[in-house]
Structures are given as C-alpha cells and as structure tokens.
Amino acid sequence: MLHVDPRMITRLDELEDDLLQRRQRAKEEGWAGEIEGIDMTLTFLRAKRDDTRRRVQRPTVTLGLPGAPRRRARK
C-alpha cells in the first residue's frame, strides 16, 4: 500500500478543491459520466488524506535490530 507523505496533505486539499470545481463544471454541462468519475476520485482522495492524518497521530514503534542467534556452550 502506498502512503502519502504527511507534508503533502495541503496538496491533497488543493486537489480536492480543483476536483470540486471540475465537478461543478461537469454538472453545469450535464456530463454525468464525468461527475461519476470525479466522485470516485474524490472518495479515494479523501480516504487517503484521512488515512495519512491518522498515521501521523499514531506513535512510532521501534522494533530494534535483529541480532545473531546465540550459540549454546557445548558440554
């Protein structure tokens, strides 16, 4: 799954504004297929933006580096 860099959230906001303007024009022109495509794109964009905002709020988990297995002493 591709993740959006949190610094790009403002760009996603700009894209949403542009899509809303395009949707308005498509509605005025009666382009039903275009409206449907824009609505799908808006849905995906909003989901991706919401996911990115949630990821930013989650704490980072340090897993550490894997170590070499320890050898048992021979008896």
Protein backbone atom coordinates (compact mmCIF):
# COMPACT_ATOMS: atom_id res chain seq x y z
CA MET A 1 0.00 0.00 0.00
CA LEU A 2 1.36 3.41 -0.91
CA HIS A 3 1.45 6.02 1.83
CA VAL A 4 1.26 9.76 1.31
CA ASP A 5 3.97 11.89 2.90
CA PRO A 6 2.19 13.90 5.64
CA ARG A 7 3.78 17.07 4.25
CA MET A 8 1.61 16.59 1.14
CA ILE A 9 -1.76 16.89 2.93
CA THR A 10 -2.07 20.51 1.82
CA ARG A 11 -1.55 19.37 -1.78
CA LEU A 12 -4.38 16.86 -1.36
CA ASP A 13 -6.56 19.74 -0.15
CA GLU A 14 -5.68 21.69 -3.30
CA LEU A 15 -6.51 18.68 -5.47
CA GLU A 16 -9.86 18.31 -3.74
CA ASP A 17 -10.68 21.97 -4.41
CA ASP A 18 -9.80 21.51 -8.08
CA LEU A 19 -11.91 18.38 -8.35
CA LEU A 20 -14.88 20.15 -6.78
CA GLN A 21 -14.57 22.93 -9.37
CA ARG A 22 -14.39 20.35 -12.16
CA ARG A 23 -17.41 18.57 -10.73
CA GLN A 24 -19.39 21.83 -10.72
CA ARG A 25 -18.50 22.43 -14.37
CA ALA A 26 -19.41 18.86 -15.29
CA LYS A 27 -22.75 19.31 -13.54
CA GLU A 28 -23.41 22.55 -15.45
CA GLU A 29 -22.52 20.86 -18.75
CA GLY A 30 -24.56 17.73 -17.97
CA TRP A 31 -21.60 15.34 -18.14
CA ALA A 32 -22.96 12.51 -15.99
CA GLY A 33 -20.06 10.13 -16.66
CA GLU A 34 -17.53 12.80 -15.73
CA ILE A 35 -19.38 13.50 -12.49
CA GLU A 36 -19.30 9.82 -11.58
CA GLY A 37 -15.54 9.62 -12.21
CA ILE A 38 -14.85 12.76 -10.21
CA ASP A 39 -16.98 11.47 -7.33
CA MET A 40 -14.96 8.25 -7.23
CA THR A 41 -11.70 10.17 -7.31
CA LEU A 42 -12.91 12.44 -4.50
CA THR A 43 -13.81 9.40 -2.42
CA PHE A 44 -10.34 7.88 -2.87
CA LEU A 45 -8.58 11.20 -2.25
CA ARG A 46 -10.50 11.85 0.97
CA ALA A 47 -9.85 8.32 2.23
CA LYS A 48 -6.12 8.66 1.51
CA ARG A 49 -5.97 12.05 3.24
CA ASP A 50 -7.85 10.74 6.29
CA ASP A 51 -5.56 7.71 6.47
CA THR A 52 -2.49 9.96 6.30
CA ARG A 53 -3.80 12.13 9.13
CA ARG A 54 -4.44 9.03 11.26
CA ARG A 55 -0.94 7.68 10.58
CA VAL A 56 0.62 10.96 11.72
CA GLN A 57 -1.13 10.66 15.08
CA ARG A 58 -0.05 7.08 15.73
CA PRO A 59 3.09 6.62 17.83
CA THR A 60 6.17 5.16 16.18
CA VAL A 61 7.09 1.64 17.26
CA THR A 62 10.75 0.73 17.45
CA LEU A 63 11.29 -2.90 16.57
CA GLY A 64 15.04 -2.84 17.11
CA LEU A 65 17.64 -4.61 15.04
CA PRO A 66 17.65 -8.37 14.85
CA GLY A 67 20.66 -9.96 16.49
CA ALA A 68 22.62 -13.07 15.62
CA PRO A 69 21.37 -16.18 17.41
CA ARG A 70 23.39 -17.03 20.50
CA ARG A 71 25.26 -20.29 20.47
CA ARG A 72 24.90 -22.62 23.38
CA ALA A 73 28.02 -23.67 25.19
CA ARG A 74 28.98 -27.29 24.48
CA LYS A 75 29.18 -29.64 27.42
